[in-house]
Amino acid sequence: MRPILNYPKLISTGHNQREGEGVQGKIYKLTDRLSDVMTNISLESTDALNTRLNIRKKAITVYNGIDSDVFRFSSNGRSSLRKELDIDDGEKLLVAIGRLNPQKDYPNLIEALKIIEKKNPTSNIKVAIIGDGDISYKRELRQMVGDKLSRTQVNFLGIRRDIPDCLSAADIFVLSSAWEGFGLVVAEAMSCERVVVATDAGGVREVVGDAGFICPPQNAEALATALTQAMSLSVPEAEALGKKARDRVVQNFSLDAAVDRWLELYTRI
């Protein structure tokens, strides 16, 4: 196809650490022969792709970017969602955003909340899960919440169009994923100056750096510990960590930073 279309240069791009398996792997090997450069969106995903495919030209990392002007803290947005959910200023709200599927591993989050309830009988956590998915899987998650949690209030909010406001409403953003490519929503939460607790999945550690809490994936005990540490922060400590998180995103994962990386690549090839 390349000779027919007469492209001077061709870039092939991956978006996940699990890419390169099965039929998809054969397609990547084909595009490797046709392309000048193969990229992926995190160092972790790039290393996985290089190892799995043993491709001729080693893939390189070009991070995603988010609009840090859109994803910024809003006091009005914070008040709006908390009022909708009837959450007082003194109550802790955890927000999780992502499709309801095995990748996001919400059972891991529910198990972690169960552990927190058991260790702290006075805990009164509010949780908002934003995203949609298969009806049967959603039913399983709701059943799990009912079976395992007695005091923690979990709200399944479905698809929302006001994500910056939803993030602003959170005291803590939590990502419980079993695997990820980059973790775009983590960068969005950090851009909104939220305290982030996330599993070490794919490129998430690269995004969070030292501006949040990282724990092993598929480990409810570790996730519970990280959430407890995050919830124990004082207001000044949480605000300072949130500002540090935003500064990190603006510097490394903003749209401007992403454009600069792509322009550098285009110039180089």
C-alpha atoms as a PDB file:
ATOM      1  CA  MET A   1       0.000   0.000   0.000  1.00  0.00           C
ATOM      2  CA  ARG A   2       2.831   2.381   0.781  1.00  0.00           C
ATOM      3  CA  PRO A   3       4.245   2.359  -2.777  1.00  0.00           C
ATOM      4  CA  ILE A   4       0.750   2.890  -4.182  1.00  0.00           C
ATOM      5  CA  LEU A   5      -0.002   5.836  -1.891  1.00  0.00           C
ATOM      6  CA  ASN A   6       3.519   7.194  -2.297  1.00  0.00           C
ATOM      7  CA  TYR A   7       4.011   8.106   1.360  1.00  0.00           C
ATOM      8  CA  PRO A   8       7.537   9.484   1.925  1.00  0.00           C
ATOM      9  CA  LYS A   9       7.613   8.226   5.532  1.00  0.00           C
ATOM     10  CA  LEU A  10       5.337   5.922   7.516  1.00  0.00           C
ATOM     11  CA  ILE A  11       4.896   5.697  11.302  1.00  0.00           C
ATOM     12  CA  SER A  12       3.158   2.753  12.978  1.00  0.00           C
ATOM     13  CA  THR A  13       1.750   3.421  16.465  1.00  0.00           C
ATOM     14  CA  GLY A  14       0.748   1.081  19.296  1.00  0.00           C
ATOM     15  CA  HIS A  15      -1.302   2.008  22.347  1.00  0.00           C
ATOM     16  CA  ASN A  16      -1.065  -0.760  24.936  1.00  0.00           C
ATOM     17  CA  GLN A  17       1.443  -3.044  26.658  1.00  0.00           C
ATOM     18  CA  ARG A  18      -0.580  -6.109  25.558  1.00  0.00           C
ATOM     19  CA  GLU A  19      -0.442  -5.318  21.870  1.00  0.00           C
ATOM     20  CA  GLY A  20       1.501  -7.697  19.705  1.00  0.00           C
ATOM     21  CA  GLU A  21      -0.285 -10.895  20.697  1.00  0.00           C
ATOM     22  CA  GLY A  22      -1.879 -13.346  18.249  1.00  0.00           C
ATOM     23  CA  VAL A  23      -3.162 -11.957  14.953  1.00  0.00           C
ATOM     24  CA  GLN A  24      -2.338  -8.449  16.099  1.00  0.00           C
ATOM     25  CA  GLY A  25       1.300  -9.444  16.466  1.00  0.00           C
ATOM     26  CA  LYS A  26       1.393 -10.656  12.853  1.00  0.00           C
ATOM     27  CA  ILE A  27      -0.051  -7.316  11.731  1.00  0.00           C
ATOM     28  CA  TYR A  28       2.607  -5.448  13.699  1.00  0.00           C
ATOM     29  CA  LYS A  29       5.349  -7.510  12.063  1.00  0.00           C
ATOM     30  CA  LEU A  30       3.892  -6.571   8.677  1.00  0.00           C
ATOM     31  CA  THR A  31       3.740  -2.863   9.508  1.00  0.00           C
ATOM     32  CA  ASP A  32       7.272  -3.106  10.886  1.00  0.00           C
ATOM     33  CA  ARG A  33       8.481  -4.036   7.408  1.00  0.00           C
ATOM     34  CA  LEU A  34       6.507  -1.191   5.829  1.00  0.00           C
ATOM     35  CA  SER A  35       7.077   1.581   8.350  1.00  0.00           C
ATOM     36  CA  ASP A  36      10.069   3.759   9.076  1.00  0.00           C
ATOM     37  CA  VAL A  37       9.311   4.087  12.787  1.00  0.00           C
ATOM     38  CA  MET A  38       7.110   2.208  15.261  1.00  0.00           C
ATOM     39  CA  THR A  39       5.982   4.034  18.408  1.00  0.00           C
ATOM     40  CA  ASN A  40       4.127   3.246  21.605  1.00  0.00           C
ATOM     41  CA  ILE A  41       2.756   5.451  24.370  1.00  0.00           C
ATOM     42  CA  SER A  42       4.855   4.498  27.409  1.00  0.00           C
ATOM     43  CA  LEU A  43       8.269   3.036  28.125  1.00  0.00           C
ATOM     44  CA  GLU A  44       6.615  -0.029  29.658  1.00  0.00           C
ATOM     45  CA  SER A  45       4.448  -0.610  26.583  1.00  0.00           C
ATOM     46  CA  THR A  46       7.346   0.033  24.230  1.00  0.00           C
ATOM     47  CA  ASP A  47       9.584  -2.469  26.032  1.00  0.00           C
ATOM     48  CA  ALA A  48       6.790  -5.068  25.980  1.00  0.00           C
ATOM     49  CA  LEU A  49       6.271  -4.554  22.247  1.00  0.00           C
ATOM     50  CA  ASN A  50       9.987  -4.823  21.468  1.00  0.00           C
ATOM     51  CA  THR A  51      10.356  -7.972  23.577  1.00  0.00           C
ATOM     52  CA  ARG A  52       7.229  -9.691  22.288  1.00  0.00           C
ATOM     53  CA  LEU A  53       7.730  -9.031  18.590  1.00  0.00           C
ATOM     54  CA  ASN A  54      11.514  -8.909  18.260  1.00  0.00           C
ATOM     55  CA  ILE A  55      10.926  -6.375  15.520  1.00  0.00           C
ATOM     56  CA  ARG A  56      13.549  -5.185  13.064  1.00  0.00           C
ATOM     57  CA  LYS A  57      13.402  -1.549  14.158  1.00  0.00           C
ATOM     58  CA  LYS A  58      13.021  -1.071  17.885  1.00  0.00           C
ATOM     59  CA  ALA A  59       9.863   0.834  18.808  1.00  0.00           C
ATOM     60  CA  ILE A  60      10.284   4.185  20.543  1.00  0.00           C
ATOM     61  CA  THR A  61       8.126   5.964  23.110  1.00  0.00           C
ATOM     62  CA  VAL A  62       6.028   9.026  22.328  1.00  0.00           C
ATOM     63  CA  TYR A  63       3.818   9.912  25.280  1.00  0.00           C
ATOM     64  CA  ASN A  64       0.186  10.945  24.932  1.00  0.00           C
ATOM     65  CA  GLY A  65      -0.871  14.479  25.787  1.00  0.00           C
ATOM     66  CA  ILE A  66      -3.945  15.926  27.497  1.00  0.00           C
ATOM     67  CA  ASP A  67      -5.496  19.394  27.337  1.00  0.00           C
ATOM     68  CA  SER A  68      -4.377  20.874  30.649  1.00  0.00           C
ATOM     69  CA  ASP A  69      -6.527  23.958  30.025  1.00  0.00           C
ATOM     70  CA  VAL A  70      -9.676  21.817  29.931  1.00  0.00           C
ATOM     71  CA  PHE A  71      -8.569  19.536  32.750  1.00  0.00           C
ATOM     72  CA  ARG A  72      -8.067  21.968  35.600  1.00  0.00           C
ATOM     73  CA  PHE A  73      -9.602  22.215  39.048  1.00  0.00           C
ATOM     74  CA  SER A  74     -13.012  23.927  39.243  1.00  0.00           C
ATOM     75  CA  SER A  75     -14.520  24.836  42.619  1.00  0.00           C
ATOM     76  CA  ASN A  76     -17.944  25.222  40.970  1.00  0.00           C
ATOM     77  CA  GLY A  77     -17.639  21.812  39.335  1.00  0.00           C
ATOM     78  CA  ARG A  78     -16.589  20.290  42.642  1.00  0.00           C
ATOM     79  CA  SER A  79     -19.605  21.724  44.440  1.00  0.00           C
ATOM     80  CA  SER A  80     -22.012  20.645  41.691  1.00  0.00           C
ATOM     81  CA  LEU A  81     -21.270  16.903  41.725  1.00  0.00           C
ATOM     82  CA  ARG A  82     -20.887  16.694  45.482  1.00  0.00           C
ATOM     83  CA  LYS A  83     -24.294  18.331  45.851  1.00  0.00           C
ATOM     84  CA  GLU A  84     -25.743  15.880  43.301  1.00  0.00           C
ATOM     85  CA  LEU A  85     -24.405  12.953  45.336  1.00  0.00           C
ATOM     86  CA  ASP A  86     -25.281  14.553  48.697  1.00  0.00           C
ATOM     87  CA  ILE A  87     -21.677  14.537  49.909  1.00  0.00           C
ATOM     88  CA  ASP A  88     -20.653  16.972  52.644  1.00  0.00           C
ATOM     89  CA  ASP A  89     -17.384  18.907  52.524  1.00  0.00           C
ATOM     90  CA  GLY A  90     -15.927  16.813  55.327  1.00  0.00           C
ATOM     91  CA  GLU A  91     -16.645  13.469  53.640  1.00  0.00           C
ATOM     92  CA  LYS A  92     -14.080  11.743  51.437  1.00  0.00           C
ATOM     93  CA  LEU A  93     -15.091  11.111  47.830  1.00  0.00           C
ATOM     94  CA  LEU A  94     -13.131   8.627  45.730  1.00  0.00           C
ATOM     95  CA  VAL A  95     -13.658   8.848  41.979  1.00  0.00           C
ATOM     96  CA  ALA A  96     -12.782   6.105  39.476  1.00  0.00           C
ATOM     97  CA  ILE A  97     -13.227   6.594  35.732  1.00  0.00           C
ATOM     98  CA  GLY A  98     -13.055   3.905  33.087  1.00  0.00           C
ATOM     99  CA  ARG A  99     -15.040   1.343  31.162  1.00  0.00           C
ATOM    100  CA  LEU A 100     -16.619  -1.389  33.275  1.00  0.00           C
ATOM    101  CA  ASN A 101     -14.500  -4.297  32.067  1.00  0.00           C
ATOM    102  CA  PRO A 102     -11.864  -6.708  33.435  1.00  0.00           C
ATOM    103  CA  GLN A 103      -8.981  -4.424  32.436  1.00  0.00           C
ATOM    104  CA  LYS A 104     -10.058  -1.754  34.938  1.00  0.00           C
ATOM    105  CA  ASP A 105     -10.334  -4.419  37.669  1.00  0.00           C
ATOM    106  CA  TYR A 106     -13.045  -2.811  39.773  1.00  0.00           C
ATOM    107  CA  PRO A 107     -13.283  -6.013  41.869  1.00  0.00           C
ATOM    108  CA  ASN A 108      -9.785  -5.111  43.095  1.00  0.00           C
ATOM    109  CA  LEU A 109     -11.097  -1.710  44.223  1.00  0.00           C
ATOM    110  CA  ILE A 110     -14.140  -3.243  45.918  1.00  0.00           C
ATOM    111  CA  GLU A 111     -11.931  -5.737  47.774  1.00  0.00           C
ATOM    112  CA  ALA A 112      -9.659  -2.876  48.880  1.00  0.00           C
ATOM    113  CA  LEU A 113     -12.658  -0.940  50.201  1.00  0.00           C
ATOM    114  CA  LYS A 114     -13.761  -4.058  52.096  1.00  0.00           C
ATOM    115  CA  ILE A 115     -10.327  -4.253  53.727  1.00  0.00           C
ATOM    116  CA  ILE A 116     -10.523  -0.583  54.724  1.00  0.00           C
ATOM    117  CA  GLU A 117     -13.965  -1.142  56.259  1.00  0.00           C
ATOM    118  CA  LYS A 118     -12.665  -4.102  58.271  1.00  0.00           C
ATOM    119  CA  LYS A 119      -9.592  -2.241  59.558  1.00  0.00           C
ATOM    120  CA  ASN A 120     -11.463   0.974  60.291  1.00  0.00           C
ATOM    121  CA  PRO A 121     -14.977   0.333  61.637  1.00  0.00           C
ATOM    122  CA  THR A 122     -15.775   4.070  61.564  1.00  0.00           C
ATOM    123  CA  SER A 123     -14.838   4.582  57.908  1.00  0.00           C
ATOM    124  CA  ASN A 124     -17.487   6.303  55.821  1.00  0.00           C
ATOM    125  CA  ILE A 125     -16.189   6.529  52.266  1.00  0.00           C
ATOM    126  CA  LYS A 126     -18.152   7.672  49.238  1.00  0.00           C
ATOM    127  CA  VAL A 127     -17.195   6.312  45.816  1.00  0.00           C
ATOM    128  CA  ALA A 128     -18.258   7.414  42.339  1.00  0.00           C
ATOM    129  CA  ILE A 129     -17.501   5.056  39.438  1.00  0.00           C
ATOM    130  CA  ILE A 130     -17.892   6.714  36.055  1.00  0.00           C
ATOM    131  CA  GLY A 131     -18.116   4.606  32.908  1.00  0.00           C
ATOM    132  CA  ASP A 132     -20.281   1.995  31.257  1.00  0.00           C
ATOM    133  CA  GLY A 133     -19.909  -1.540  30.008  1.00  0.00           C
ATOM    134  CA  ASP A 134     -21.518  -4.913  29.520  1.00  0.00           C
ATOM    135  CA  ILE A 135     -24.826  -5.171  31.398  1.00  0.00           C
ATOM    136  CA  SER A 136     -24.012  -8.540  32.968  1.00  0.00           C
ATOM    137  CA  TYR A 137     -20.595  -7.342  34.154  1.00  0.00           C
ATOM    138  CA  LYS A 138     -22.153  -4.220  35.624  1.00  0.00           C
ATOM    139  CA  ARG A 139     -24.663  -6.422  37.433  1.00  0.00           C
ATOM    140  CA  GLU A 140     -21.819  -8.515  38.856  1.00  0.00           C
ATOM    141  CA  LEU A 141     -20.081  -5.401  40.177  1.00  0.00           C
ATOM    142  CA  ARG A 142     -23.256  -4.122  41.814  1.00  0.00           C
ATOM    143  CA  GLN A 143     -23.782  -7.528  43.422  1.00  0.00           C
ATOM    144  CA  MET A 144     -20.213  -7.529  44.668  1.00  0.00           C
ATOM    145  CA  VAL A 145     -20.692  -4.096  46.248  1.00  0.00           C
ATOM    146  CA  GLY A 146     -23.860  -5.306  47.984  1.00  0.00           C
ATOM    147  CA  ASP A 147     -22.223  -8.500  49.226  1.00  0.00           C
ATOM    148  CA  LYS A 148     -18.896  -7.094  50.419  1.00  0.00           C
ATOM    149  CA  LEU A 149     -19.487  -3.508  51.577  1.00  0.00           C
ATOM    150  CA  SER A 150     -21.691  -2.396  54.445  1.00  0.00           C
ATOM    151  CA  ARG A 151     -20.795   1.280  55.028  1.00  0.00           C
ATOM    152  CA  THR A 152     -19.078   2.410  51.838  1.00  0.00           C
ATOM    153  CA  GLN A 153     -21.489   4.123  49.453  1.00  0.00           C
ATOM    154  CA  VAL A 154     -20.681   3.271  45.818  1.00  0.00           C
ATOM    155  CA  ASN A 155     -22.436   5.220  43.060  1.00  0.00           C
ATOM    156  CA  PHE A 156     -22.319   3.900  39.486  1.00  0.00           C
ATOM    157  CA  LEU A 157     -22.816   7.083  37.458  1.00  0.00           C
ATOM    158  CA  GLY A 158     -22.552   5.666  33.937  1.00  0.00           C
ATOM    159  CA  ILE A 159     -21.237   7.851  31.132  1.00  0.00           C
ATOM    160  CA  ARG A 160     -20.670  11.512  32.015  1.00  0.00           C
ATOM    161  CA  ARG A 161     -19.812  14.464  29.798  1.00  0.00           C
ATOM    162  CA  ASP A 162     -18.517  16.634  32.661  1.00  0.00           C
ATOM    163  CA  ILE A 163     -15.337  14.713  33.463  1.00  0.00           C
ATOM    164  CA  PRO A 164     -13.258  17.745  34.589  1.00  0.00           C
ATOM    165  CA  ASP A 165     -16.014  18.602  37.091  1.00  0.00           C
ATOM    166  CA  CYS A 166     -16.224  14.980  38.247  1.00  0.00           C
ATOM    167  CA  LEU A 167     -12.482  14.954  38.844  1.00  0.00           C
ATOM    168  CA  SER A 168     -12.652  18.278  40.664  1.00  0.00           C
ATOM    169  CA  ALA A 169     -15.278  16.796  42.994  1.00  0.00           C
ATOM    170  CA  ALA A 170     -12.924  13.998  44.043  1.00  0.00           C
ATOM    171  CA  ASP A 171     -10.707  14.058  47.086  1.00  0.00           C
ATOM    172  CA  ILE A 172      -8.862  11.078  45.640  1.00  0.00           C
ATOM    173  CA  PHE A 173      -8.792   9.668  42.126  1.00  0.00           C
ATOM    174  CA  VAL A 174      -8.265   5.908  42.081  1.00  0.00           C
ATOM    175  CA  LEU A 175      -7.210   3.655  39.200  1.00  0.00           C
ATOM    176  CA  SER A 176      -7.367  -0.071  40.000  1.00  0.00           C
ATOM    177  CA  SER A 177      -6.438  -1.412  36.540  1.00  0.00           C
ATOM    178  CA  ALA A 178      -4.836  -4.791  35.938  1.00  0.00           C
ATOM    179  CA  TRP A 179      -3.126  -3.409  32.833  1.00  0.00           C
ATOM    180  CA  GLU A 180      -2.891  -0.113  30.952  1.00  0.00           C
ATOM    181  CA  GLY A 181      -1.068   1.446  28.060  1.00  0.00           C
ATOM    182  CA  PHE A 182      -0.505   5.008  29.232  1.00  0.00           C
ATOM    183  CA  GLY A 183      -3.205   5.817  31.772  1.00  0.00           C
ATOM    184  CA  LEU A 184      -4.617   8.958  30.162  1.00  0.00           C
ATOM    185  CA  VAL A 185      -7.279   9.451  32.834  1.00  0.00           C
ATOM    186  CA  VAL A 186      -4.539   9.490  35.477  1.00  0.00           C
ATOM    187  CA  ALA A 187      -2.910  12.447  33.733  1.00  0.00           C
ATOM    188  CA  GLU A 188      -6.320  14.142  33.520  1.00  0.00           C
ATOM    189  CA  ALA A 189      -6.863  13.692  37.265  1.00  0.00           C
ATOM    190  CA  MET A 190      -3.400  15.022  38.038  1.00  0.00           C
ATOM    191  CA  SER A 191      -4.041  18.015  35.785  1.00  0.00           C
ATOM    192  CA  CYS A 192      -7.096  18.741  37.980  1.00  0.00           C
ATOM    193  CA  GLU A 193      -4.781  18.762  41.021  1.00  0.00           C
ATOM    194  CA  ARG A 194      -6.220  15.586  42.497  1.00  0.00           C
ATOM    195  CA  VAL A 195      -4.446  13.162  44.803  1.00  0.00           C
ATOM    196  CA  VAL A 196      -3.961  10.014  42.706  1.00  0.00           C
ATOM    197  CA  VAL A 197      -3.811   6.411  43.886  1.00  0.00           C
ATOM    198  CA  ALA A 198      -3.078   4.063  40.990  1.00  0.00           C
ATOM    199  CA  THR A 199      -1.880   0.567  40.261  1.00  0.00           C
ATOM    200  CA  ASP A 200       1.519   0.101  38.649  1.00  0.00           C
ATOM    201  CA  ALA A 201       0.022  -0.932  35.310  1.00  0.00           C
ATOM    202  CA  GLY A 202       1.688  -0.154  31.985  1.00  0.00           C
ATOM    203  CA  GLY A 203       2.911   3.427  31.818  1.00  0.00           C
ATOM    204  CA  VAL A 204       0.990   4.672  34.867  1.00  0.00           C
ATOM    205  CA  ARG A 205       4.121   4.872  37.025  1.00  0.00           C
ATOM    206  CA  GLU A 206       5.752   7.016  34.341  1.00  0.00           C
ATOM    207  CA  VAL A 207       2.829   9.430  34.487  1.00  0.00           C
ATOM    208  CA  VAL A 208       2.513   9.627  38.280  1.00  0.00           C
ATOM    209  CA  GLY A 209       6.202   9.788  39.143  1.00  0.00           C
ATOM    210  CA  ASP A 210       6.584  11.079  42.711  1.00  0.00           C
ATOM    211  CA  ALA A 211       3.349  13.092  42.540  1.00  0.00           C
ATOM    212  CA  GLY A 212       0.953  10.395  43.766  1.00  0.00           C
ATOM    213  CA  PHE A 213       0.611   6.909  45.230  1.00  0.00           C
ATOM    214  CA  ILE A 214       1.506   3.757  43.264  1.00  0.00           C
ATOM    215  CA  CYS A 215       0.771   0.170  44.314  1.00  0.00           C
ATOM    216  CA  PRO A 216       1.034  -3.258  42.626  1.00  0.00           C
ATOM    217  CA  PRO A 217      -1.866  -4.308  40.367  1.00  0.00           C
ATOM    218  CA  GLN A 218      -4.255  -7.092  41.383  1.00  0.00           C
ATOM    219  CA  ASN A 219      -3.310  -6.633  45.044  1.00  0.00           C
ATOM    220  CA  ALA A 220      -6.261  -5.407  47.107  1.00  0.00           C
ATOM    221  CA  GLU A 221      -4.247  -5.224  50.331  1.00  0.00           C
ATOM    222  CA  ALA A 222      -1.684  -2.917  48.724  1.00  0.00           C
ATOM    223  CA  LEU A 223      -4.414  -0.786  47.157  1.00  0.00           C
ATOM    224  CA  ALA A 224      -6.163  -0.483  50.529  1.00  0.00           C
ATOM    225  CA  THR A 225      -2.900   0.636  52.144  1.00  0.00           C
ATOM    226  CA  ALA A 226      -2.276   3.260  49.458  1.00  0.00           C
ATOM    227  CA  LEU A 227      -5.845   4.570  49.715  1.00  0.00           C
ATOM    228  CA  THR A 228      -5.559   4.788  53.503  1.00  0.00           C
ATOM    229  CA  GLN A 229      -2.317   6.744  53.202  1.00  0.00           C
ATOM    230  CA  ALA A 230      -3.880   9.118  50.687  1.00  0.00           C
ATOM    231  CA  MET A 231      -6.966   9.681  52.833  1.00  0.00           C
ATOM    232  CA  SER A 232      -4.782  10.448  55.858  1.00  0.00           C
ATOM    233  CA  LEU A 233      -3.197  13.481  54.179  1.00  0.00           C
ATOM    234  CA  SER A 234      -4.042  16.824  55.721  1.00  0.00           C
ATOM    235  CA  VAL A 235      -5.745  19.413  53.520  1.00  0.00           C
ATOM    236  CA  PRO A 236      -2.488  21.387  53.001  1.00  0.00           C
ATOM    237  CA  GLU A 237      -0.611  18.156  52.191  1.00  0.00           C
ATOM    238  CA  ALA A 238      -3.265  17.080  49.671  1.00  0.00           C
ATOM    239  CA  GLU A 239      -3.287  20.520  48.039  1.00  0.00           C
ATOM    240  CA  ALA A 240       0.507  20.549  47.769  1.00  0.00           C
ATOM    241  CA  LEU A 241       0.563  17.073  46.205  1.00  0.00           C
ATOM    242  CA  GLY A 242      -2.204  18.095  43.801  1.00  0.00           C
ATOM    243  CA  LYS A 243      -0.281  21.148  42.635  1.00  0.00           C
ATOM    244  CA  LYS A 244       2.840  19.033  42.204  1.00  0.00           C
ATOM    245  CA  ALA A 245       0.814  16.580  40.114  1.00  0.00           C
ATOM    246  CA  ARG A 246      -0.516  19.323  37.839  1.00  0.00           C
ATOM    247  CA  ASP A 247       2.946  20.826  37.364  1.00  0.00           C
ATOM    248  CA  ARG A 248       4.251  17.401  36.333  1.00  0.00           C
ATOM    249  CA  VAL A 249       1.484  16.916  33.763  1.00  0.00           C
ATOM    250  CA  VAL A 250       1.773  20.415  32.292  1.00  0.00           C
ATOM    251  CA  GLN A 251       5.516  19.958  31.871  1.00  0.00           C
ATOM    252  CA  ASN A 252       5.532  16.398  30.529  1.00  0.00           C
ATOM    253  CA  PHE A 253       2.082  15.321  29.319  1.00  0.00           C
ATOM    254  CA  SER A 254       0.288  18.430  28.046  1.00  0.00           C
ATOM    255  CA  LEU A 255      -0.775  18.800  24.416  1.00  0.00           C
ATOM    256  CA  ASP A 256       2.107  21.209  23.860  1.00  0.00           C
ATOM    257  CA  ALA A 257       4.586  18.655  25.195  1.00  0.00           C
ATOM    258  CA  ALA A 258       3.070  15.931  22.989  1.00  0.00           C
ATOM    259  CA  VAL A 259       3.181  18.145  19.892  1.00  0.00           C
ATOM    260  CA  ASP A 260       6.841  18.944  20.571  1.00  0.00           C
ATOM    261  CA  ARG A 261       7.666  15.229  20.793  1.00  0.00           C
ATOM    262  CA  TRP A 262       5.877  14.416  17.535  1.00  0.00           C
ATOM    263  CA  LEU A 263       7.475  17.358  15.712  1.00  0.00           C
ATOM    264  CA  GLU A 264      10.891  16.221  16.902  1.00  0.00           C
ATOM    265  CA  LEU A 265      10.171  12.719  15.563  1.00  0.00           C
ATOM    266  CA  TYR A 266       8.861  14.019  12.219  1.00  0.00           C
ATOM    267  CA  THR A 267      11.966  16.165  11.832  1.00  0.00           C
ATOM    268  CA  ARG A 268      14.298  13.314  12.727  1.00  0.00           C
ATOM    269  CA  ILE A 269      12.920  10.785  10.217  1.00  0.00           C
END
